[in-house]
PDB file of N, CA and C in Angstrom:
ATOM      1  N   MET A   1       1.047  -1.297  -0.576  1.00  0.00           N
ATOM      2  CA  MET A   1       0.038  -0.043  -0.075  1.00  0.00           C
ATOM      3  C   MET A   1       0.932   1.371  -0.064  1.00  0.00           C
ATOM      4  N   ILE A   2       0.239   2.364  -0.522  1.00  0.00           N
ATOM      5  CA  ILE A   2       0.944   3.449  -0.880  1.00  0.00           C
ATOM      6  C   ILE A   2       0.816   4.392   0.700  1.00  0.00           C
ATOM      7  N   ASN A   3       1.680   4.895   1.128  1.00  0.00           N
ATOM      8  CA  ASN A   3       1.866   5.543   2.491  1.00  0.00           C
ATOM      9  C   ASN A   3       1.334   6.974   1.893  1.00  0.00           C
ATOM     10  N   LEU A   4       1.096   7.842   2.880  1.00  0.00           N
ATOM     11  CA  LEU A   4       0.778   9.275   2.352  1.00  0.00           C
ATOM     12  C   LEU A   4       1.998  10.220   1.775  1.00  0.00           C
ATOM     13  N   GLY A   5       2.759   9.914   2.342  1.00  0.00           N
ATOM     14  CA  GLY A   5       4.451  10.929   1.814  1.00  0.00           C
ATOM     15  C   GLY A   5       4.472  10.160  -0.108  1.00  0.00           C
ATOM     16  N   GLU A   6       4.272   9.059  -0.313  1.00  0.00           N
ATOM     17  CA  GLU A   6       4.147   8.824  -1.870  1.00  0.00           C
ATOM     18  C   GLU A   6       3.163   9.256  -2.547  1.00  0.00           C
ATOM     19  N   TRP A   7       1.990   9.567  -2.055  1.00  0.00           N
ATOM     20  CA  TRP A   7       0.717  10.204  -2.562  1.00  0.00           C
ATOM     21  C   TRP A   7       1.076  11.767  -2.696  1.00  0.00           C
ATOM     22  N   GLY A   8       1.715  12.513  -1.874  1.00  0.00           N
ATOM     23  CA  GLY A   8       2.377  12.983  -1.689  1.00  0.00           C
ATOM     24  C   GLY A   8       3.041  13.972  -2.784  1.00  0.00           C
ATOM     25  N   MET A   9       4.399  12.906  -3.349  1.00  0.00           N
ATOM     26  CA  MET A   9       5.438  13.044  -3.848  1.00  0.00           C
ATOM     27  C   MET A   9       4.334  12.803  -5.319  1.00  0.00           C
ATOM     28  N   ILE A  10       3.892  11.773  -5.450  1.00  0.00           N
ATOM     29  CA  ILE A  10       2.781  11.838  -6.740  1.00  0.00           C
ATOM     30  C   ILE A  10       2.131  12.847  -7.142  1.00  0.00           C
ATOM     31  N   ALA A  11       1.650  13.616  -6.324  1.00  0.00           N
ATOM     32  CA  ALA A  11       0.606  14.893  -6.327  1.00  0.00           C
ATOM     33  C   ALA A  11       1.464  15.950  -6.255  1.00  0.00           C
ATOM     34  N   GLY A  12       2.321  16.302  -5.911  1.00  0.00           N
ATOM     35  CA  GLY A  12       3.388  16.984  -6.727  1.00  0.00           C
ATOM     36  C   GLY A  12       4.204  17.094  -7.757  1.00  0.00           C
ATOM     37  N   SER A  13       4.450  16.039  -8.263  1.00  0.00           N
ATOM     38  CA  SER A  13       5.173  15.740  -9.446  1.00  0.00           C
ATOM     39  C   SER A  13       3.944  16.002 -10.771  1.00  0.00           C
ATOM     40  N   ILE A  14       2.826  15.556 -10.791  1.00  0.00           N
ATOM     41  CA  ILE A  14       1.759  16.095 -11.466  1.00  0.00           C
ATOM     42  C   ILE A  14       1.757  17.605 -11.464  1.00  0.00           C
ATOM     43  N   THR A  15       1.512  18.243 -10.169  1.00  0.00           N
ATOM     44  CA  THR A  15       1.047  19.342  -9.860  1.00  0.00           C
ATOM     45  C   THR A  15       2.150  20.390 -10.875  1.00  0.00           C
ATOM     46  N   ALA A  16       3.889  19.714 -10.752  1.00  0.00           N
ATOM     47  CA  ALA A  16       4.719  20.192 -11.368  1.00  0.00           C
ATOM     48  C   ALA A  16       4.508  20.118 -13.031  1.00  0.00           C
ATOM     49  N   ILE A  17       3.930  18.937 -13.145  1.00  0.00           N
ATOM     50  CA  ILE A  17       3.807  19.230 -14.707  1.00  0.00           C
ATOM     51  C   ILE A  17       2.629  19.740 -15.461  1.00  0.00           C
ATOM     52  N   VAL A  18       1.782  20.028 -14.342  1.00  0.00           N
ATOM     53  CA  VAL A  18       0.345  20.718 -14.775  1.00  0.00           C
ATOM     54  C   VAL A  18       0.921  22.139 -15.239  1.00  0.00           C
ATOM     55  N   SER A  19       1.846  22.359 -13.581  1.00  0.00           N
ATOM     56  CA  SER A  19       1.936  24.237 -14.035  1.00  0.00           C
ATOM     57  C   SER A  19       3.104  24.124 -15.272  1.00  0.00           C
ATOM     58  N   LEU A  20       4.313  23.940 -15.048  1.00  0.00           N
ATOM     59  CA  LEU A  20       5.031  23.705 -16.280  1.00  0.00           C
ATOM     60  C   LEU A  20       4.423  23.581 -17.503  1.00  0.00           C
ATOM     61  N   ILE A  21       3.538  22.802 -17.854  1.00  0.00           N
ATOM     62  CA  ILE A  21       2.580  23.382 -18.904  1.00  0.00           C
ATOM     63  C   ILE A  21       1.638  24.352 -19.227  1.00  0.00           C
ATOM     64  N   LEU A  22       0.872  24.521 -17.956  1.00  0.00           N
ATOM     65  CA  LEU A  22       0.300  26.183 -17.685  1.00  0.00           C
ATOM     66  C   LEU A  22       1.344  27.336 -18.191  1.00  0.00           C
ATOM     67  N   LEU A  23       1.887  26.973 -17.574  1.00  0.00           N
ATOM     68  CA  LEU A  23       2.946  28.721 -17.235  1.00  0.00           C
ATOM     69  C   LEU A  23       4.311  28.610 -18.088  1.00  0.00           C
ATOM     70  N   VAL A  24       4.552  27.447 -18.663  1.00  0.00           N
ATOM     71  CA  VAL A  24       5.782  27.880 -19.674  1.00  0.00           C
ATOM     72  C   VAL A  24       5.254  27.247 -21.113  1.00  0.00           C
ATOM     73  N   ILE A  25       4.569  26.356 -21.422  1.00  0.00           N
ATOM     74  CA  ILE A  25       4.479  25.374 -22.646  1.00  0.00           C
ATOM     75  C   ILE A  25       3.354  26.317 -23.332  1.00  0.00           C
ATOM     76  N   LYS A  26       1.870  26.543 -22.528  1.00  0.00           N
ATOM     77  CA  LYS A  26       0.592  27.309 -22.880  1.00  0.00           C
ATOM     78  C   LYS A  26       1.201  28.557 -23.715  1.00  0.00           C
ATOM     79  N   PRO A  27       2.172  29.649 -23.207  1.00  0.00           N
ATOM     80  CA  PRO A  27       2.198  31.066 -23.521  1.00  0.00           C
ATOM     81  C   PRO A  27       3.448  31.092 -24.462  1.00  0.00           C
ATOM     82  N   ILE A  28       4.160  29.916 -24.602  1.00  0.00           N
ATOM     83  CA  ILE A  28       5.318  29.909 -25.737  1.00  0.00           C
ATOM     84  C   ILE A  28       4.322  29.413 -27.125  1.00  0.00           C
ATOM     85  N   THR A  29       3.589  28.649 -26.828  1.00  0.00           N
ATOM     86  CA  THR A  29       2.801  27.943 -28.368  1.00  0.00           C
ATOM     87  C   THR A  29       1.827  28.948 -28.654  1.00  0.00           C
ATOM     88  N   ALA A  30       1.281  29.866 -27.425  1.00  0.00           N
ATOM     89  CA  ALA A  30       0.157  30.988 -28.105  1.00  0.00           C
ATOM     90  C   ALA A  30       1.110  32.388 -28.736  1.00  0.00           C
ATOM     91  N   SER A  31       2.759  32.590 -28.403  1.00  0.00           N
ATOM     92  CA  SER A  31       3.448  33.435 -28.912  1.00  0.00           C
ATOM     93  C   SER A  31       3.398  32.704 -30.747  1.00  0.00           C
ATOM     94  N   PHE A  32       3.574  31.670 -30.784  1.00  0.00           N
ATOM     95  CA  PHE A  32       3.553  30.987 -31.689  1.00  0.00           C
ATOM     96  C   PHE A  32       2.872  30.998 -32.823  1.00  0.00           C
ATOM     97  N   SER A  33       1.526  30.611 -32.272  1.00  0.00           N
ATOM     98  CA  SER A  33       0.622  31.059 -33.160  1.00  0.00           C
ATOM     99  C   SER A  33       0.408  32.507 -33.557  1.00  0.00           C
ATOM    100  N   LYS A  34       0.868  33.242 -32.478  1.00  0.00           N
ATOM    101  CA  LYS A  34       0.729  35.094 -33.287  1.00  0.00           C
ATOM    102  C   LYS A  34       2.041  34.941 -34.360  1.00  0.00           C
ATOM    103  N   ILE A  35       2.993  34.287 -34.068  1.00  0.00           N
ATOM    104  CA  ILE A  35       4.103  34.762 -35.073  1.00  0.00           C
ATOM    105  C   ILE A  35       3.480  34.217 -35.912  1.00  0.00           C
ATOM    106  N   THR A  36       3.219  33.227 -36.179  1.00  0.00           N
ATOM    107  CA  THR A  36       2.459  32.209 -37.313  1.00  0.00           C
ATOM    108  C   THR A  36       1.390  33.274 -38.307  1.00  0.00           C
ATOM    109  N   GLU A  37       0.487  33.714 -37.367  1.00  0.00           N
ATOM    110  CA  GLU A  37      -0.328  34.722 -37.990  1.00  0.00           C
ATOM    111  C   GLU A  37       0.470  35.829 -38.607  1.00  0.00           C
ATOM    112  N   THR A  38       1.322  36.673 -37.753  1.00  0.00           N
ATOM    113  CA  THR A  38       1.906  37.718 -38.688  1.00  0.00           C
ATOM    114  C   THR A  38       2.562  37.066 -39.340  1.00  0.00           C
ATOM    115  N   LEU A  39       3.329  36.456 -39.417  1.00  0.00           N
ATOM    116  CA  LEU A  39       4.117  35.745 -41.254  1.00  0.00           C
ATOM    117  C   LEU A  39       3.225  35.911 -42.327  1.00  0.00           C
ATOM    118  N   SER A  40       1.733  35.475 -41.620  1.00  0.00           N
ATOM    119  CA  SER A  40       1.011  35.246 -43.079  1.00  0.00           C
ATOM    120  C   SER A  40       0.666  36.570 -43.355  1.00  0.00           C
ATOM    121  N   LYS A  41       0.437  37.385 -42.647  1.00  0.00           N
ATOM    122  CA  LYS A  41      -0.183  38.564 -43.396  1.00  0.00           C
ATOM    123  C   LYS A  41       0.956  39.802 -43.694  1.00  0.00           C
ATOM    124  N   VAL A  42       2.106  39.392 -43.250  1.00  0.00           N
ATOM    125  CA  VAL A  42       3.615  39.503 -44.026  1.00  0.00           C
ATOM    126  C   VAL A  42       3.707  38.971 -45.422  1.00  0.00           C
ATOM    127  N   SER A  43       4.122  38.209 -45.182  1.00  0.00           N
ATOM    128  CA  SER A  43       3.588  37.165 -46.565  1.00  0.00           C
ATOM    129  C   SER A  43       2.463  37.673 -47.832  1.00  0.00           C
ATOM    130  N   ARG A  44       0.982  37.834 -47.059  1.00  0.00           N
ATOM    131  CA  ARG A  44      -0.067  38.745 -47.935  1.00  0.00           C
ATOM    132  C   ARG A  44       0.377  40.296 -48.793  1.00  0.00           C
ATOM    133  N   ASN A  45       1.028  41.181 -47.395  1.00  0.00           N
ATOM    134  CA  ASN A  45       1.555  42.098 -48.310  1.00  0.00           C
ATOM    135  C   ASN A  45       2.428  42.157 -48.850  1.00  0.00           C
ATOM    136  N   LEU A  46       3.320  41.382 -49.021  1.00  0.00           N
ATOM    137  CA  LEU A  46       4.512  41.028 -49.682  1.00  0.00           C
ATOM    138  C   LEU A  46       3.584  40.910 -50.752  1.00  0.00           C
ATOM    139  N   ASP A  47       3.172  39.981 -51.213  1.00  0.00           N
ATOM    140  CA  ASP A  47       2.233  39.355 -52.891  1.00  0.00           C
ATOM    141  C   ASP A  47       1.375  40.388 -53.554  1.00  0.00           C
ATOM    142  N   LEU A  48       0.734  41.622 -52.172  1.00  0.00           N
ATOM    143  CA  LEU A  48       0.242  42.684 -52.607  1.00  0.00           C
ATOM    144  C   LEU A  48       1.164  43.624 -53.617  1.00  0.00           C
ATOM    145  N   LEU A  49       2.740  43.745 -52.818  1.00  0.00           N
ATOM    146  CA  LEU A  49       3.823  44.779 -53.211  1.00  0.00           C
ATOM    147  C   LEU A  49       4.526  44.169 -54.205  1.00  0.00           C
ATOM    148  N   THR A  50       4.355  42.389 -54.580  1.00  0.00           N
ATOM    149  CA  THR A  50       4.727  41.986 -55.559  1.00  0.00           C
ATOM    150  C   THR A  50       3.925  42.360 -56.897  1.00  0.00           C
ATOM    151  N   LYS A  51       2.817  42.548 -56.297  1.00  0.00           N
ATOM    152  CA  LYS A  51       1.674  43.005 -58.003  1.00  0.00           C
ATOM    153  C   LYS A  51       1.891  44.416 -58.391  1.00  0.00           C
ATOM    154  N   ASP A  52       2.046  45.151 -57.460  1.00  0.00           N
ATOM    155  CA  ASP A  52       2.053  46.207 -56.752  1.00  0.00           C
ATOM    156  C   ASP A  52       3.376  46.841 -57.911  1.00  0.00           C
ATOM    157  N   LEU A  53       4.255  46.189 -58.214  1.00  0.00           N
ATOM    158  CA  LEU A  53       5.590  46.354 -58.802  1.00  0.00           C
ATOM    159  C   LEU A  53       5.741  46.011 -60.093  1.00  0.00           C
ATOM    160  N   GLU A  54       5.168  44.888 -60.308  1.00  0.00           N
ATOM    161  CA  GLU A  54       4.763  44.837 -61.760  1.00  0.00           C
ATOM    162  C   GLU A  54       3.931  45.413 -62.301  1.00  0.00           C
ATOM    163  N   ALA A  55       3.014  46.357 -61.442  1.00  0.00           N
ATOM    164  CA  ALA A  55       2.437  47.096 -62.387  1.00  0.00           C
ATOM    165  C   ALA A  55       2.829  47.996 -62.931  1.00  0.00           C
ATOM    166  N   SER A  56       3.472  48.636 -62.100  1.00  0.00           N
ATOM    167  CA  SER A  56       4.628  49.484 -61.972  1.00  0.00           C
ATOM    168  C   SER A  56       6.001  49.848 -63.179  1.00  0.00           C
ATOM    169  N   LYS A  57       6.307  47.953 -63.162  1.00  0.00           N
ATOM    170  CA  LYS A  57       7.289  47.792 -64.183  1.00  0.00           C
ATOM    171  C   LYS A  57       6.301  47.846 -65.236  1.00  0.00           C
ATOM    172  N   SER A  58       5.103  47.691 -65.646  1.00  0.00           N
ATOM    173  CA  SER A  58       4.842  48.074 -66.990  1.00  0.00           C
ATOM    174  C   SER A  58       4.519  49.296 -67.391  1.00  0.00           C
ATOM    175  N   ASP A  59       4.252  50.303 -66.401  1.00  0.00           N
ATOM    176  CA  ASP A  59       4.339  51.578 -66.149  1.00  0.00           C
ATOM    177  C   ASP A  59       5.307  52.238 -66.883  1.00  0.00           C
ATOM    178  N   ARG A  60       6.487  52.007 -66.043  1.00  0.00           N
ATOM    179  CA  ARG A  60       7.621  52.520 -66.899  1.00  0.00           C
ATOM    180  C   ARG A  60       7.835  52.078 -67.885  1.00  0.00           C
ATOM    181  N   ILE A  61       7.937  50.926 -68.433  1.00  0.00           N
ATOM    182  CA  ILE A  61       8.230  50.272 -69.844  1.00  0.00           C
ATOM    183  C   ILE A  61       7.252  51.322 -71.114  1.00  0.00           C
ATOM    184  N   THR A  62       6.154  51.352 -70.791  1.00  0.00           N
ATOM    185  CA  THR A  62       5.339  52.284 -71.469  1.00  0.00           C
ATOM    186  C   THR A  62       6.353  53.631 -71.205  1.00  0.00           C
ATOM    187  N   ILE A  63       5.992  54.141 -70.531  1.00  0.00           N
ATOM    188  CA  ILE A  63       6.478  55.435 -70.470  1.00  0.00           C
ATOM    189  C   ILE A  63       7.841  55.512 -70.789  1.00  0.00           C
ATOM    190  N   HIS A  64       8.853  54.253 -71.182  1.00  0.00           N
ATOM    191  CA  HIS A  64      10.029  54.860 -71.786  1.00  0.00           C
ATOM    192  C   HIS A  64      10.025  54.465 -73.418  1.00  0.00           C
ATOM    193  N   GLU A  65       8.761  53.694 -73.825  1.00  0.00           N
ATOM    194  CA  GLU A  65       8.813  53.552 -74.727  1.00  0.00           C
ATOM    195  C   GLU A  65       8.018  54.615 -75.376  1.00  0.00           C
ATOM    196  N   GLU A  66       7.502  55.809 -74.444  1.00  0.00           N
ATOM    197  CA  GLU A  66       7.024  57.021 -75.019  1.00  0.00           C
ATOM    198  C   GLU A  66       7.771  58.134 -75.331  1.00  0.00           C
ATOM    199  N   LEU A  67       9.047  58.308 -74.551  1.00  0.00           N
ATOM    200  CA  LEU A  67      10.081  58.925 -74.185  1.00  0.00           C
ATOM    201  C   LEU A  67      10.593  58.493 -75.608  1.00  0.00           C
ATOM    202  N   LYS A  68      11.374  57.432 -75.779  1.00  0.00           N
ATOM    203  CA  LYS A  68      11.504  57.605 -77.351  1.00  0.00           C
ATOM    204  C   LYS A  68      11.153  57.949 -78.075  1.00  0.00           C
ATOM    205  N   LYS A  69       9.687  57.713 -78.424  1.00  0.00           N
ATOM    206  CA  LYS A  69       9.361  58.390 -79.175  1.00  0.00           C
ATOM    207  C   LYS A  69       9.713  59.882 -79.872  1.00  0.00           C
ATOM    208  N   HIS A  70       9.297  60.602 -78.030  1.00  0.00           N
ATOM    209  CA  HIS A  70       9.854  61.848 -78.046  1.00  0.00           C
ATOM    210  C   HIS A  70      10.888  62.635 -78.589  1.00  0.00           C
ATOM    211  N   ASP A  71      11.811  61.567 -77.985  1.00  0.00           N
ATOM    212  CA  ASP A  71      13.522  61.523 -78.370  1.00  0.00           C
ATOM    213  C   ASP A  71      13.486  61.603 -80.165  1.00  0.00           C
ATOM    214  N   GLU A  72      12.931  60.581 -80.568  1.00  0.00           N
ATOM    215  CA  GLU A  72      13.078  60.782 -81.755  1.00  0.00           C
ATOM    216  C   GLU A  72      12.267  61.967 -82.736  1.00  0.00           C
ATOM    217  N   ARG A  73      10.997  62.352 -82.213  1.00  0.00           N
ATOM    218  CA  ARG A  73      10.376  63.542 -82.670  1.00  0.00           C
ATOM    219  C   ARG A  73      11.448  64.416 -82.287  1.00  0.00           C
ATOM    220  N   LEU A  74      11.861  65.087 -81.409  1.00  0.00           N
ATOM    221  CA  LEU A  74      12.803  65.929 -81.065  1.00  0.00           C
ATOM    222  C   LEU A  74      14.543  65.844 -82.201  1.00  0.00           C
ATOM    223  N   ASP A  75      14.668  64.863 -82.150  1.00  0.00           N
ATOM    224  CA  ASP A  75      15.850  64.813 -83.224  1.00  0.00           C
ATOM    225  C   ASP A  75      15.650  64.985 -84.632  1.00  0.00           C
ATOM    226  N   THR A  76      14.241  64.630 -85.005  1.00  0.00           N
ATOM    227  CA  THR A  76      13.486  65.149 -86.302  1.00  0.00           C
ATOM    228  C   THR A  76      13.340  66.463 -86.110  1.00  0.00           C
ATOM    229  N   HIS A  77      12.820  67.405 -85.378  1.00  0.00           N
ATOM    230  CA  HIS A  77      13.113  68.427 -85.271  1.00  0.00           C
ATOM    231  C   HIS A  77      14.224  69.482 -85.054  1.00  0.00           C
ATOM    232  N   ALA A  78      15.307  68.610 -85.061  1.00  0.00           N
ATOM    233  CA  ALA A  78      16.590  69.390 -84.819  1.00  0.00           C
ATOM    234  C   ALA A  78      17.125  69.454 -86.205  1.00  0.00           C
ATOM    235  N   GLU A  79      16.915  68.317 -86.778  1.00  0.00           N
ATOM    236  CA  GLU A  79      17.623  68.369 -87.945  1.00  0.00           C
ATOM    237  C   GLU A  79      16.787  68.936 -88.731  1.00  0.00           C
ATOM    238  N   LYS A  80      15.338  69.268 -89.144  1.00  0.00           N
ATOM    239  CA  LYS A  80      14.757  70.288 -90.037  1.00  0.00           C
ATOM    240  C   LYS A  80      15.223  71.208 -89.207  1.00  0.00           C
ATOM    241  N   LEU A  81      15.026  72.165 -88.192  1.00  0.00           N
ATOM    242  CA  LEU A  81      15.953  73.322 -87.851  1.00  0.00           C
ATOM    243  C   LEU A  81      17.077  73.435 -88.348  1.00  0.00           C
ATOM    244  N   VAL A  82      18.237  72.772 -88.447  1.00  0.00           N
ATOM    245  CA  VAL A  82      19.504  72.890 -88.974  1.00  0.00           C
ATOM    246  C   VAL A  82      19.637  73.268 -90.291  1.00  0.00           C
ATOM    247  N   GLU A  83      18.493  72.528 -90.942  1.00  0.00           N
ATOM    248  CA  GLU A  83      18.227  72.204 -92.801  1.00  0.00           C
ATOM    249  C   GLU A  83      17.654  74.221 -93.068  1.00  0.00           C
ATOM    250  N   HIS A  84      16.840  74.522 -91.910  1.00  0.00           N
ATOM    251  CA  HIS A  84      16.203  75.779 -92.365  1.00  0.00           C
ATOM    252  C   HIS A  84      17.165  77.224 -91.943  1.00  0.00           C
ATOM    253  N   THR A  85      17.813  76.522 -91.136  1.00  0.00           N
ATOM    254  CA  THR A  85      18.922  77.725 -90.832  1.00  0.00           C
ATOM    255  C   THR A  85      19.616  77.890 -91.990  1.00  0.00           C
ATOM    256  N   GLN A  86      19.942  76.565 -92.118  1.00  0.00           N
ATOM    257  CA  GLN A  86      21.156  76.625 -93.409  1.00  0.00           C
ATOM    258  C   GLN A  86      20.261  77.144 -94.700  1.00  0.00           C
ATOM    259  N   GLN A  87      19.181  77.087 -94.937  1.00  0.00           N
ATOM    260  CA  GLN A  87      18.563  77.881 -95.969  1.00  0.00           C
ATOM    261  C   GLN A  87      18.332  79.106 -95.735  1.00  0.00           C
ATOM    262  N   ILE A  88      18.343  79.348 -94.540  1.00  0.00           N
ATOM    263  CA  ILE A  88      18.235  81.692 -94.397  1.00  0.00           C
ATOM    264  C   ILE A  88      19.530  81.424 -94.502  1.00  0.00           C
ATOM    265  N   LYS A  89      20.312  81.162 -94.779  1.00  0.00           N
ATOM    266  CA  LYS A  89      21.908  81.658 -94.503  1.00  0.00           C
ATOM    267  C   LYS A  89      21.952  81.609 -96.977  1.00  0.00           C
ATOM    268  N   THR A  90      21.791  80.844 -96.823  1.00  0.00           N
ATOM    269  CA  THR A  90      21.940  80.674 -98.060  1.00  0.00           C
ATOM    270  C   THR A  90      21.298  81.852 -98.732  1.00  0.00           C
ATOM    271  N   LEU A  91      19.846  82.089 -98.394  1.00  0.00           N
ATOM    272  CA  LEU A  91      18.682  83.439 -99.030  1.00  0.00           C
ATOM    273  C   LEU A  91      19.671  84.563 -98.609  1.00  0.00           C
ATOM    274  N   PHE A  92      19.949  84.599 -97.262  1.00  0.00           N
ATOM    275  CA  PHE A  92      20.813  86.271 -96.830  1.00  0.00           C
ATOM    276  C   PHE A  92      21.850  86.026 -97.691  1.00  0.00           C
ATOM    277  N   ARG A  93      22.547  85.145 -98.060  1.00  0.00           N
ATOM    278  CA  ARG A  93      23.832  84.924 -99.103  1.00  0.00           C
ATOM    279  C   ARG A  93      23.681  85.573-100.060  1.00  0.00           C
ATOM    280  N   GLU A  94      22.328  85.103-101.101  1.00  0.00           N
ATOM    281  CA  GLU A  94      21.526  84.923-102.384  1.00  0.00           C
ATOM    282  C   GLU A  94      20.942  86.669-102.396  1.00  0.00           C
ATOM    283  N   THR A  95      20.809  87.303-101.489  1.00  0.00           N
ATOM    284  CA  THR A  95      20.249  88.182-101.312  1.00  0.00           C
ATOM    285  C   THR A  95      21.127  89.700-101.148  1.00  0.00           C
ATOM    286  N   SER A  96      22.123  89.414-100.575  1.00  0.00           N
ATOM    287  CA  SER A  96      23.541  90.314-100.587  1.00  0.00           C
ATOM    288  C   SER A  96      23.963  90.159-101.629  1.00  0.00           C
ATOM    289  N   ARG A  97      24.145  89.334-102.551  1.00  0.00           N
ATOM    290  CA  ARG A  97      24.801  89.284-103.492  1.00  0.00           C
ATOM    291  C   ARG A  97      24.089  90.032-104.602  1.00  0.00           C
ATOM    292  N   GLN A  98      22.949  89.522-104.864  1.00  0.00           N
ATOM    293  CA  GLN A  98      22.262  90.656-105.526  1.00  0.00           C
ATOM    294  C   GLN A  98      22.225  92.502-105.892  1.00  0.00           C
ATOM    295  N   LYS A  99      22.378  92.250-104.324  1.00  0.00           N
ATOM    296  CA  LYS A  99      22.540  94.373-104.144  1.00  0.00           C
ATOM    297  C   LYS A  99      23.591  94.508-104.782  1.00  0.00           C
TER     298      LYS A  99
END
């Protein structure tokens, strides 16, 4: 038969195990679940940011294509300006020769 001291020792061991579970392990698992929830939210936000970056990338590509067109037009106008300047110089030379 188990005496009172052995019963106390068993009860103390069970109490120590339950206390360990309640005081140490439960808060740790609660923290892990909060961390997991936070990480899933961060992952979702990263996915949204990635989509936004992809959209802005296509916008930048479109803008760069438009800038190329504008540069080509400016180059064309610069060439025409040089031609017109040459024509004006030629006209002034001809008019000064005729006088």
